[in-house]
Amino acid sequence: MVTRPLKIAEGNIATDASAGGLHPGARRGAVALDTLPFGTPARVVSVGGEGSLALRLLEMGVVPGAPVCVIKSAPLGDPIEVRVRGYHLALRRTEARAILVLRDE
C-alpha cells in the first residue's frame, strides 16, 4: 500500500485572530485559545498554524467542534494545560494562539 502525505490547503488554515483575520468558517466572537479564561468551556472553531503544527493538533483530536477548556498554566505562564475531549494536553501559548474557539453559553 502506498501512502501519500496529507496536504493542507492554505485556505483551510485559520489566520491569527489577534490580527483581525478570521478563518472564513469562523464565527464572530471567536477567540484564540490562549486568551480563554481558566475554566471556561468552549468549542474549537478552527485550527491554524503552519502545516505540520495544524496537522499534529488535528491528529491529537483538536478538531472543529471538539470541547475544550483551559485548566491552568505553568508558573511562568507557558505552557498551558488544556482539556480536550476529556484528556489533558499541554500546549505552548504560541500553539494555543493558532486555535480559535467559541465560548459555550
PDB file of N, CA and C in Angstrom:
ATOM      1  N   MET A   1       0.828  -1.173   0.000  1.00  0.00           N
ATOM      2  CA  MET A   1       0.000   0.000   0.000  1.00  0.00           C
ATOM      3  C   MET A   1       0.880   1.247   0.000  1.00  0.00           C
ATOM      4  N   VAL A   2       0.537   2.193  -0.852  1.00  0.00           N
ATOM      5  CA  VAL A   2       1.298   3.436  -0.952  1.00  0.00           C
ATOM      6  C   VAL A   2       0.572   4.515  -0.165  1.00  0.00           C
ATOM      7  N   THR A   3       1.303   5.190   0.686  1.00  0.00           N
ATOM      8  CA  THR A   3       0.698   6.288   1.435  1.00  0.00           C
ATOM      9  C   THR A   3       1.230   7.605   0.912  1.00  0.00           C
ATOM     10  N   ARG A   4       0.372   8.578   0.887  1.00  0.00           N
ATOM     11  CA  ARG A   4       0.774   9.911   0.456  1.00  0.00           C
ATOM     12  C   ARG A   4       0.640  10.864   1.627  1.00  0.00           C
ATOM     13  N   PRO A   5       1.526  11.847   1.723  1.00  0.00           N
ATOM     14  CA  PRO A   5       1.398  12.817   2.814  1.00  0.00           C
ATOM     15  C   PRO A   5       0.137  13.650   2.632  1.00  0.00           C
ATOM     16  N   LEU A   6      -0.487  13.992   3.747  1.00  0.00           N
ATOM     17  CA  LEU A   6      -1.681  14.823   3.729  1.00  0.00           C
ATOM     18  C   LEU A   6      -1.282  16.261   3.447  1.00  0.00           C
ATOM     19  N   LYS A   7      -1.949  16.873   2.502  1.00  0.00           N
ATOM     20  CA  LYS A   7      -1.675  18.272   2.192  1.00  0.00           C
ATOM     21  C   LYS A   7      -2.804  19.118   2.751  1.00  0.00           C
ATOM     22  N   ILE A   8      -2.435  20.195   3.411  1.00  0.00           N
ATOM     23  CA  ILE A   8      -3.420  21.110   3.960  1.00  0.00           C
ATOM     24  C   ILE A   8      -3.393  22.372   3.112  1.00  0.00           C
ATOM     25  N   ALA A   9      -4.527  22.682   2.516  1.00  0.00           N
ATOM     26  CA  ALA A   9      -4.614  23.858   1.654  1.00  0.00           C
ATOM     27  C   ALA A   9      -4.519  25.114   2.490  1.00  0.00           C
ATOM     28  N   GLU A  10      -3.866  26.137   1.946  1.00  0.00           N
ATOM     29  CA  GLU A  10      -3.720  27.403   2.646  1.00  0.00           C
ATOM     30  C   GLU A  10      -5.067  27.964   3.070  1.00  0.00           C
ATOM     31  N   GLY A  11      -6.085  27.834   2.232  1.00  0.00           N
ATOM     32  CA  GLY A  11      -7.388  28.396   2.535  1.00  0.00           C
ATOM     33  C   GLY A  11      -8.087  27.720   3.701  1.00  0.00           C
ATOM     34  N   ASN A  12      -7.626  26.548   4.111  1.00  0.00           N
ATOM     35  CA  ASN A  12      -8.271  25.829   5.209  1.00  0.00           C
ATOM     36  C   ASN A  12      -7.664  26.150   6.560  1.00  0.00           C
ATOM     37  N   ILE A  13      -6.613  26.936   6.577  1.00  0.00           N
ATOM     38  CA  ILE A  13      -5.913  27.220   7.820  1.00  0.00           C
ATOM     39  C   ILE A  13      -6.296  28.610   8.295  1.00  0.00           C
ATOM     40  N   ALA A  14      -6.663  28.721   9.562  1.00  0.00           N
ATOM     41  CA  ALA A  14      -7.089  29.996  10.128  1.00  0.00           C
ATOM     42  C   ALA A  14      -5.903  30.942  10.247  1.00  0.00           C
ATOM     43  N   THR A  15      -6.187  32.226  10.141  1.00  0.00           N
ATOM     44  CA  THR A  15      -5.162  33.228  10.378  1.00  0.00           C
ATOM     45  C   THR A  15      -5.237  33.649  11.831  1.00  0.00           C
ATOM     46  N   ASP A  16      -4.259  34.391  12.287  1.00  0.00           N
ATOM     47  CA  ASP A  16      -4.203  34.821  13.675  1.00  0.00           C
ATOM     48  C   ASP A  16      -5.379  35.745  13.977  1.00  0.00           C
ATOM     49  N   ALA A  17      -6.181  35.383  14.959  1.00  0.00           N
ATOM     50  CA  ALA A  17      -7.372  36.172  15.305  1.00  0.00           C
ATOM     51  C   ALA A  17      -6.990  37.541  15.842  1.00  0.00           C
ATOM     52  N   SER A  18      -5.822  37.650  16.482  1.00  0.00           N
ATOM     53  CA  SER A  18      -5.425  38.944  17.037  1.00  0.00           C
ATOM     54  C   SER A  18      -5.108  39.937  15.937  1.00  0.00           C
ATOM     55  N   ALA A  19      -4.798  39.454  14.731  1.00  0.00           N
ATOM     56  CA  ALA A  19      -4.517  40.337  13.610  1.00  0.00           C
ATOM     57  C   ALA A  19      -5.801  40.768  12.911  1.00  0.00           C
ATOM     58  N   GLY A  20      -6.933  40.270  13.397  1.00  0.00           N
ATOM     59  CA  GLY A  20      -8.206  40.659  12.825  1.00  0.00           C
ATOM     60  C   GLY A  20      -8.694  39.744  11.726  1.00  0.00           C
ATOM     61  N   GLY A  21      -7.843  38.830  11.234  1.00  0.00           N
ATOM     62  CA  GLY A  21      -8.253  37.933  10.172  1.00  0.00           C
ATOM     63  C   GLY A  21      -8.799  36.644  10.733  1.00  0.00           C
ATOM     64  N   LEU A  22     -10.041  36.324  10.410  1.00  0.00           N
ATOM     65  CA  LEU A  22     -10.636  35.088  10.875  1.00  0.00           C
ATOM     66  C   LEU A  22     -10.758  34.111   9.728  1.00  0.00           C
ATOM     67  N   HIS A  23     -10.689  32.860  10.045  1.00  0.00           N
ATOM     68  CA  HIS A  23     -10.932  31.802   9.069  1.00  0.00           C
ATOM     69  C   HIS A  23     -12.331  32.025   8.500  1.00  0.00           C
ATOM     70  N   PRO A  24     -12.543  31.802   7.206  1.00  0.00           N
ATOM     71  CA  PRO A  24     -13.861  32.027   6.626  1.00  0.00           C
ATOM     72  C   PRO A  24     -14.985  31.300   7.361  1.00  0.00           C
ATOM     73  N   GLY A  25     -14.711  30.136   7.952  1.00  0.00           N
ATOM     74  CA  GLY A  25     -15.736  29.396   8.662  1.00  0.00           C
ATOM     75  C   GLY A  25     -15.909  29.832  10.112  1.00  0.00           C
ATOM     76  N   ALA A  26     -15.018  30.704  10.597  1.00  0.00           N
ATOM     77  CA  ALA A  26     -15.082  31.133  11.989  1.00  0.00           C
ATOM     78  C   ALA A  26     -16.209  32.140  12.199  1.00  0.00           C
ATOM     79  N   ARG A  27     -16.817  32.077  13.367  1.00  0.00           N
ATOM     80  CA  ARG A  27     -17.900  32.994  13.694  1.00  0.00           C
ATOM     81  C   ARG A  27     -17.356  34.187  14.448  1.00  0.00           C
ATOM     82  N   ARG A  28     -18.114  35.263  14.413  1.00  0.00           N
ATOM     83  CA  ARG A  28     -17.761  36.425  15.230  1.00  0.00           C
ATOM     84  C   ARG A  28     -17.795  36.003  16.687  1.00  0.00           C
ATOM     85  N   GLY A  29     -16.932  36.554  17.490  1.00  0.00           N
ATOM     86  CA  GLY A  29     -16.874  36.180  18.897  1.00  0.00           C
ATOM     87  C   GLY A  29     -15.862  35.088  19.169  1.00  0.00           C
ATOM     88  N   ALA A  30     -15.269  34.527  18.120  1.00  0.00           N
ATOM     89  CA  ALA A  30     -14.244  33.501  18.312  1.00  0.00           C
ATOM     90  C   ALA A  30     -12.983  34.160  18.858  1.00  0.00           C
ATOM     91  N   VAL A  31     -12.340  33.482  19.799  1.00  0.00           N
ATOM     92  CA  VAL A  31     -11.106  33.993  20.400  1.00  0.00           C
ATOM     93  C   VAL A  31     -10.036  32.918  20.307  1.00  0.00           C
ATOM     94  N   ALA A  32      -8.796  33.323  20.421  1.00  0.00           N
ATOM     95  CA  ALA A  32      -7.693  32.366  20.431  1.00  0.00           C
ATOM     96  C   ALA A  32      -7.717  31.610  21.759  1.00  0.00           C
ATOM     97  N   LEU A  33      -7.366  30.346  21.721  1.00  0.00           N
ATOM     98  CA  LEU A  33      -7.394  29.501  22.911  1.00  0.00           C
ATOM     99  C   LEU A  33      -6.509  30.050  24.025  1.00  0.00           C
ATOM    100  N   ASP A  34      -5.401  30.697  23.690  1.00  0.00           N
ATOM    101  CA  ASP A  34      -4.508  31.205  24.729  1.00  0.00           C
ATOM    102  C   ASP A  34      -5.110  32.376  25.502  1.00  0.00           C
ATOM    103  N   THR A  35      -6.183  32.989  25.000  1.00  0.00           N
ATOM    104  CA  THR A  35      -6.823  34.106  25.701  1.00  0.00           C
ATOM    105  C   THR A  35      -8.074  33.673  26.467  1.00  0.00           C
ATOM    106  N   LEU A  36      -8.453  32.414  26.364  1.00  0.00           N
ATOM    107  CA  LEU A  36      -9.645  31.909  27.042  1.00  0.00           C
ATOM    108  C   LEU A  36      -9.376  31.854  28.547  1.00  0.00           C
ATOM    109  N   PRO A  37     -10.277  32.404  29.376  1.00  0.00           N
ATOM    110  CA  PRO A  37     -10.069  32.349  30.834  1.00  0.00           C
ATOM    111  C   PRO A  37     -10.106  30.909  31.353  1.00  0.00           C
ATOM    112  N   PHE A  38      -9.415  30.664  32.460  1.00  0.00           N
ATOM    113  CA  PHE A  38      -9.378  29.334  33.063  1.00  0.00           C
ATOM    114  C   PHE A  38     -10.786  28.875  33.406  1.00  0.00           C
ATOM    115  N   GLY A  39     -11.076  27.608  33.121  1.00  0.00           N
ATOM    116  CA  GLY A  39     -12.342  27.003  33.494  1.00  0.00           C
ATOM    117  C   GLY A  39     -13.525  27.331  32.595  1.00  0.00           C
ATOM    118  N   THR A  40     -13.319  28.113  31.552  1.00  0.00           N
ATOM    119  CA  THR A  40     -14.413  28.476  30.650  1.00  0.00           C
ATOM    120  C   THR A  40     -14.567  27.422  29.561  1.00  0.00           C
ATOM    121  N   PRO A  41     -15.717  26.769  29.480  1.00  0.00           N
ATOM    122  CA  PRO A  41     -15.903  25.766  28.427  1.00  0.00           C
ATOM    123  C   PRO A  41     -16.069  26.436  27.063  1.00  0.00           C
ATOM    124  N   ALA A  42     -15.515  25.806  26.047  1.00  0.00           N
ATOM    125  CA  ALA A  42     -15.582  26.347  24.687  1.00  0.00           C
ATOM    126  C   ALA A  42     -15.541  25.201  23.694  1.00  0.00           C
ATOM    127  N   ARG A  43     -15.746  25.537  22.436  1.00  0.00           N
ATOM    128  CA  ARG A  43     -15.648  24.558  21.347  1.00  0.00           C
ATOM    129  C   ARG A  43     -14.698  25.103  20.294  1.00  0.00           C
ATOM    130  N   VAL A  44     -13.901  24.213  19.705  1.00  0.00           N
ATOM    131  CA  VAL A  44     -12.954  24.603  18.666  1.00  0.00           C
ATOM    132  C   VAL A  44     -13.723  25.026  17.421  1.00  0.00           C
ATOM    133  N   VAL A  45     -13.336  26.180  16.858  1.00  0.00           N
ATOM    134  CA  VAL A  45     -13.934  26.673  15.625  1.00  0.00           C
ATOM    135  C   VAL A  45     -13.018  26.343  14.449  1.00  0.00           C
ATOM    136  N   SER A  46     -11.715  26.599  14.620  1.00  0.00           N
ATOM    137  CA  SER A  46     -10.761  26.299  13.557  1.00  0.00           C
ATOM    138  C   SER A  46      -9.370  26.132  14.140  1.00  0.00           C
ATOM    139  N   VAL A  47      -8.529  25.429  13.395  1.00  0.00           N
ATOM    140  CA  VAL A  47      -7.147  25.178  13.792  1.00  0.00           C
ATOM    141  C   VAL A  47      -6.250  25.749  12.719  1.00  0.00           C
ATOM    142  N   GLY A  48      -5.326  26.604  13.123  1.00  0.00           N
ATOM    143  CA  GLY A  48      -4.418  27.244  12.168  1.00  0.00           C
ATOM    144  C   GLY A  48      -2.982  26.861  12.451  1.00  0.00           C
ATOM    145  N   GLY A  49      -2.078  27.684  11.981  1.00  0.00           N
ATOM    146  CA  GLY A  49      -0.661  27.435  12.176  1.00  0.00           C
ATOM    147  C   GLY A  49      -0.039  26.862  10.922  1.00  0.00           C
ATOM    148  N   GLU A  50       1.269  26.661  10.985  1.00  0.00           N
ATOM    149  CA  GLU A  50       1.939  26.062   9.838  1.00  0.00           C
ATOM    150  C   GLU A  50       1.438  24.638   9.641  1.00  0.00           C
ATOM    151  N   GLY A  51       1.590  24.100   8.473  1.00  0.00           N
ATOM    152  CA  GLY A  51       1.025  22.808   8.114  1.00  0.00           C
ATOM    153  C   GLY A  51       1.285  21.687   9.091  1.00  0.00           C
ATOM    154  N   SER A  52       2.534  21.517   9.537  1.00  0.00           N
ATOM    155  CA  SER A  52       2.847  20.407  10.429  1.00  0.00           C
ATOM    156  C   SER A  52       2.224  20.600  11.806  1.00  0.00           C
ATOM    157  N   LEU A  53       2.170  21.838  12.285  1.00  0.00           N
ATOM    158  CA  LEU A  53       1.550  22.111  13.579  1.00  0.00           C
ATOM    159  C   LEU A  53       0.056  21.842  13.510  1.00  0.00           C
ATOM    160  N   ALA A  54      -0.611  22.351  12.489  1.00  0.00           N
ATOM    161  CA  ALA A  54      -2.045  22.150  12.337  1.00  0.00           C
ATOM    162  C   ALA A  54      -2.362  20.660  12.211  1.00  0.00           C
ATOM    163  N   LEU A  55      -1.586  19.945  11.453  1.00  0.00           N
ATOM    164  CA  LEU A  55      -1.809  18.506  11.280  1.00  0.00           C
ATOM    165  C   LEU A  55      -1.660  17.766  12.603  1.00  0.00           C
ATOM    166  N   ARG A  56      -0.634  18.092  13.366  1.00  0.00           N
ATOM    167  CA  ARG A  56      -0.403  17.420  14.652  1.00  0.00           C
ATOM    168  C   ARG A  56      -1.545  17.702  15.624  1.00  0.00           C
ATOM    169  N   LEU A  57      -2.014  18.944  15.678  1.00  0.00           N
ATOM    170  CA  LEU A  57      -3.138  19.287  16.555  1.00  0.00           C
ATOM    171  C   LEU A  57      -4.394  18.518  16.146  1.00  0.00           C
ATOM    172  N   LEU A  58      -4.635  18.414  14.847  1.00  0.00           N
ATOM    173  CA  LEU A  58      -5.790  17.667  14.363  1.00  0.00           C
ATOM    174  C   LEU A  58      -5.678  16.187  14.727  1.00  0.00           C
ATOM    175  N   GLU A  59      -4.468  15.631  14.622  1.00  0.00           N
ATOM    176  CA  GLU A  59      -4.249  14.226  14.976  1.00  0.00           C
ATOM    177  C   GLU A  59      -4.499  13.967  16.460  1.00  0.00           C
ATOM    178  N   MET A  60      -4.261  14.984  17.299  1.00  0.00           N
ATOM    179  CA  MET A  60      -4.470  14.830  18.742  1.00  0.00           C
ATOM    180  C   MET A  60      -5.913  15.088  19.147  1.00  0.00           C
ATOM    181  N   GLY A  61      -6.796  15.323  18.186  1.00  0.00           N
ATOM    182  CA  GLY A  61      -8.210  15.479  18.496  1.00  0.00           C
ATOM    183  C   GLY A  61      -8.684  16.909  18.619  1.00  0.00           C
ATOM    184  N   VAL A  62      -7.804  17.870  18.366  1.00  0.00           N
ATOM    185  CA  VAL A  62      -8.201  19.278  18.403  1.00  0.00           C
ATOM    186  C   VAL A  62      -8.788  19.607  17.033  1.00  0.00           C
ATOM    187  N   VAL A  63     -10.047  19.254  16.856  1.00  0.00           N
ATOM    188  CA  VAL A  63     -10.732  19.423  15.579  1.00  0.00           C
ATOM    189  C   VAL A  63     -11.933  20.344  15.783  1.00  0.00           C
ATOM    190  N   PRO A  64     -12.416  20.991  14.728  1.00  0.00           N
ATOM    191  CA  PRO A  64     -13.589  21.852  14.877  1.00  0.00           C
ATOM    192  C   PRO A  64     -14.756  21.092  15.512  1.00  0.00           C
ATOM    193  N   GLY A  65     -15.360  21.724  16.521  1.00  0.00           N
ATOM    194  CA  GLY A  65     -16.470  21.125  17.252  1.00  0.00           C
ATOM    195  C   GLY A  65     -16.066  20.437  18.538  1.00  0.00           C
ATOM    196  N   ALA A  66     -14.777  20.171  18.731  1.00  0.00           N
ATOM    197  CA  ALA A  66     -14.307  19.486  19.938  1.00  0.00           C
ATOM    198  C   ALA A  66     -14.418  20.401  21.154  1.00  0.00           C
ATOM    199  N   PRO A  67     -14.921  19.868  22.290  1.00  0.00           N
ATOM    200  CA  PRO A  67     -14.996  20.677  23.507  1.00  0.00           C
ATOM    201  C   PRO A  67     -13.603  20.874  24.116  1.00  0.00           C
ATOM    202  N   VAL A  68     -13.305  22.093  24.549  1.00  0.00           N
ATOM    203  CA  VAL A  68     -12.018  22.412  25.176  1.00  0.00           C
ATOM    204  C   VAL A  68     -12.245  23.282  26.405  1.00  0.00           C
ATOM    205  N   CYS A  69     -11.272  23.266  27.300  1.00  0.00           N
ATOM    206  CA  CYS A  69     -11.310  24.093  28.498  1.00  0.00           C
ATOM    207  C   CYS A  69      -9.871  24.288  28.966  1.00  0.00           C
ATOM    208  N   VAL A  70      -9.478  25.531  29.255  1.00  0.00           N
ATOM    209  CA  VAL A  70      -8.139  25.794  29.783  1.00  0.00           C
ATOM    210  C   VAL A  70      -8.177  25.487  31.276  1.00  0.00           C
ATOM    211  N   ILE A  71      -7.303  24.593  31.729  1.00  0.00           N
ATOM    212  CA  ILE A  71      -7.280  24.155  33.119  1.00  0.00           C
ATOM    213  C   ILE A  71      -6.373  25.040  33.963  1.00  0.00           C
ATOM    214  N   LYS A  72      -5.133  25.196  33.533  1.00  0.00           N
ATOM    215  CA  LYS A  72      -4.181  26.017  34.288  1.00  0.00           C
ATOM    216  C   LYS A  72      -2.974  26.319  33.418  1.00  0.00           C
ATOM    217  N   SER A  73      -2.103  27.173  33.925  1.00  0.00           N
ATOM    218  CA  SER A  73      -0.857  27.456  33.214  1.00  0.00           C
ATOM    219  C   SER A  73       0.316  27.199  34.152  1.00  0.00           C
ATOM    220  N   ALA A  74       1.475  27.022  33.560  1.00  0.00           N
ATOM    221  CA  ALA A  74       2.692  26.802  34.336  1.00  0.00           C
ATOM    222  C   ALA A  74       3.023  28.083  35.118  1.00  0.00           C
ATOM    223  N   PRO A  75       3.856  27.990  36.140  1.00  0.00           N
ATOM    224  CA  PRO A  75       4.167  29.162  36.969  1.00  0.00           C
ATOM    225  C   PRO A  75       4.642  30.386  36.182  1.00  0.00           C
ATOM    226  N   LEU A  76       5.378  30.188  35.118  1.00  0.00           N
ATOM    227  CA  LEU A  76       5.847  31.328  34.325  1.00  0.00           C
ATOM    228  C   LEU A  76       4.908  31.639  33.159  1.00  0.00           C
ATOM    229  N   GLY A  77       3.762  30.971  33.092  1.00  0.00           N
ATOM    230  CA  GLY A  77       2.756  31.281  32.083  1.00  0.00           C
ATOM    231  C   GLY A  77       2.799  30.448  30.822  1.00  0.00           C
ATOM    232  N   ASP A  78       3.813  29.650  30.639  1.00  0.00           N
ATOM    233  CA  ASP A  78       3.929  28.848  29.421  1.00  0.00           C
ATOM    234  C   ASP A  78       4.571  27.517  29.779  1.00  0.00           C
ATOM    235  N   PRO A  79       4.008  26.392  29.487  1.00  0.00           N
ATOM    236  CA  PRO A  79       2.832  26.105  28.670  1.00  0.00           C
ATOM    237  C   PRO A  79       1.534  26.216  29.472  1.00  0.00           C
ATOM    238  N   ILE A  80       0.415  25.986  28.764  1.00  0.00           N
ATOM    239  CA  ILE A  80      -0.882  25.936  29.420  1.00  0.00           C
ATOM    240  C   ILE A  80      -1.425  24.512  29.317  1.00  0.00           C
ATOM    241  N   GLU A  81      -2.233  24.139  30.311  1.00  0.00           N
ATOM    242  CA  GLU A  81      -2.863  22.816  30.302  1.00  0.00           C
ATOM    243  C   GLU A  81      -4.299  22.976  29.824  1.00  0.00           C
ATOM    244  N   VAL A  82      -4.665  22.185  28.827  1.00  0.00           N
ATOM    245  CA  VAL A  82      -5.978  22.272  28.210  1.00  0.00           C
ATOM    246  C   VAL A  82      -6.630  20.896  28.256  1.00  0.00           C
ATOM    247  N   ARG A  83      -7.933  20.865  28.570  1.00  0.00           N
ATOM    248  CA  ARG A  83      -8.675  19.607  28.496  1.00  0.00           C
ATOM    249  C   ARG A  83      -9.396  19.573  27.157  1.00  0.00           C
ATOM    250  N   VAL A  84      -9.095  18.543  26.359  1.00  0.00           N
ATOM    251  CA  VAL A  84      -9.710  18.363  25.043  1.00  0.00           C
ATOM    252  C   VAL A  84     -10.339  16.979  25.019  1.00  0.00           C
ATOM    253  N   ARG A  85     -11.631  16.895  24.783  1.00  0.00           N
ATOM    254  CA  ARG A  85     -12.334  15.610  24.698  1.00  0.00           C
ATOM    255  C   ARG A  85     -12.073  14.712  25.901  1.00  0.00           C
ATOM    256  N   GLY A  86     -11.911  15.308  27.086  1.00  0.00           N
ATOM    257  CA  GLY A  86     -11.734  14.527  28.301  1.00  0.00           C
ATOM    258  C   GLY A  86     -10.308  14.181  28.662  1.00  0.00           C
ATOM    259  N   TYR A  87      -9.320  14.518  27.839  1.00  0.00           N
ATOM    260  CA  TYR A  87      -7.929  14.266  28.226  1.00  0.00           C
ATOM    261  C   TYR A  87      -7.189  15.587  28.331  1.00  0.00           C
ATOM    262  N   HIS A  88      -6.083  15.585  29.051  1.00  0.00           N
ATOM    263  CA  HIS A  88      -5.328  16.810  29.293  1.00  0.00           C
ATOM    264  C   HIS A  88      -4.141  16.887  28.350  1.00  0.00           C
ATOM    265  N   LEU A  89      -3.923  18.094  27.847  1.00  0.00           N
ATOM    266  CA  LEU A  89      -2.895  18.341  26.842  1.00  0.00           C
ATOM    267  C   LEU A  89      -2.148  19.607  27.216  1.00  0.00           C
ATOM    268  N   ALA A  90      -0.827  19.580  27.184  1.00  0.00           N
ATOM    269  CA  ALA A  90      -0.024  20.774  27.434  1.00  0.00           C
ATOM    270  C   ALA A  90       0.359  21.391  26.092  1.00  0.00           C
ATOM    271  N   LEU A  91       0.080  22.677  25.951  1.00  0.00           N
ATOM    272  CA  LEU A  91       0.380  23.397  24.716  1.00  0.00           C
ATOM    273  C   LEU A  91       1.178  24.653  25.014  1.00  0.00           C
ATOM    274  N   ARG A  92       2.113  24.978  24.153  1.00  0.00           N
ATOM    275  CA  ARG A  92       2.771  26.276  24.245  1.00  0.00           C
ATOM    276  C   ARG A  92       1.739  27.349  23.910  1.00  0.00           C
ATOM    277  N   ARG A  93       1.916  28.528  24.441  1.00  0.00           N
ATOM    278  CA  ARG A  93       0.972  29.616  24.147  1.00  0.00           C
ATOM    279  C   ARG A  93       0.942  29.923  22.653  1.00  0.00           C
ATOM    280  N   THR A  94       2.076  29.817  21.972  1.00  0.00           N
ATOM    281  CA  THR A  94       2.084  30.083  20.524  1.00  0.00           C
ATOM    282  C   THR A  94       1.259  29.052  19.772  1.00  0.00           C
ATOM    283  N   GLU A  95       1.264  27.808  20.245  1.00  0.00           N
ATOM    284  CA  GLU A  95       0.443  26.770  19.624  1.00  0.00           C
ATOM    285  C   GLU A  95      -1.031  27.015  19.919  1.00  0.00           C
ATOM    286  N   ALA A  96      -1.339  27.396  21.159  1.00  0.00           N
ATOM    287  CA  ALA A  96      -2.728  27.661  21.545  1.00  0.00           C
ATOM    288  C   ALA A  96      -3.289  28.872  20.802  1.00  0.00           C
ATOM    289  N   ARG A  97      -2.420  29.805  20.435  1.00  0.00           N
ATOM    290  CA  ARG A  97      -2.847  31.000  19.701  1.00  0.00           C
ATOM    291  C   ARG A  97      -3.365  30.640  18.305  1.00  0.00           C
ATOM    292  N   ALA A  98      -2.961  29.497  17.769  1.00  0.00           N
ATOM    293  CA  ALA A  98      -3.380  29.071  16.433  1.00  0.00           C
ATOM    294  C   ALA A  98      -4.747  28.390  16.445  1.00  0.00           C
ATOM    295  N   ILE A  99      -5.331  28.204  17.630  1.00  0.00           N
ATOM    296  CA  ILE A  99      -6.621  27.525  17.758  1.00  0.00           C
ATOM    297  C   ILE A  99      -7.691  28.550  18.112  1.00  0.00           C
ATOM    298  N   LEU A 100      -8.684  28.696  17.251  1.00  0.00           N
ATOM    299  CA  LEU A 100      -9.803  29.608  17.528  1.00  0.00           C
ATOM    300  C   LEU A 100     -10.925  28.834  18.176  1.00  0.00           C
ATOM    301  N   VAL A 101     -11.494  29.399  19.244  1.00  0.00           N
ATOM    302  CA  VAL A 101     -12.583  28.749  19.967  1.00  0.00           C
ATOM    303  C   VAL A 101     -13.740  29.722  20.145  1.00  0.00           C
ATOM    304  N   LEU A 102     -14.906  29.153  20.395  1.00  0.00           N
ATOM    305  CA  LEU A 102     -16.110  29.931  20.670  1.00  0.00           C
ATOM    306  C   LEU A 102     -16.617  29.472  22.031  1.00  0.00           C
ATOM    307  N   ARG A 103     -16.807  30.421  22.948  1.00  0.00           N
ATOM    308  CA  ARG A 103     -17.274  30.075  24.298  1.00  0.00           C
ATOM    309  C   ARG A 103     -18.644  29.442  24.268  1.00  0.00           C
ATOM    310  N   ASP A 104     -18.819  28.402  25.098  1.00  0.00           N
ATOM    311  CA  ASP A 104     -20.142  27.785  25.256  1.00  0.00           C
ATOM    312  C   ASP A 104     -20.987  28.691  26.140  1.00  0.00           C
ATOM    313  N   GLU A 105     -22.245  28.730  25.869  1.00  0.00           N
ATOM    314  CA  GLU A 105     -23.130  29.590  26.667  1.00  0.00           C
ATOM    315  C   GLU A 105     -23.970  28.793  27.609  1.00  0.00           C
TER     316      GLU A 105
END
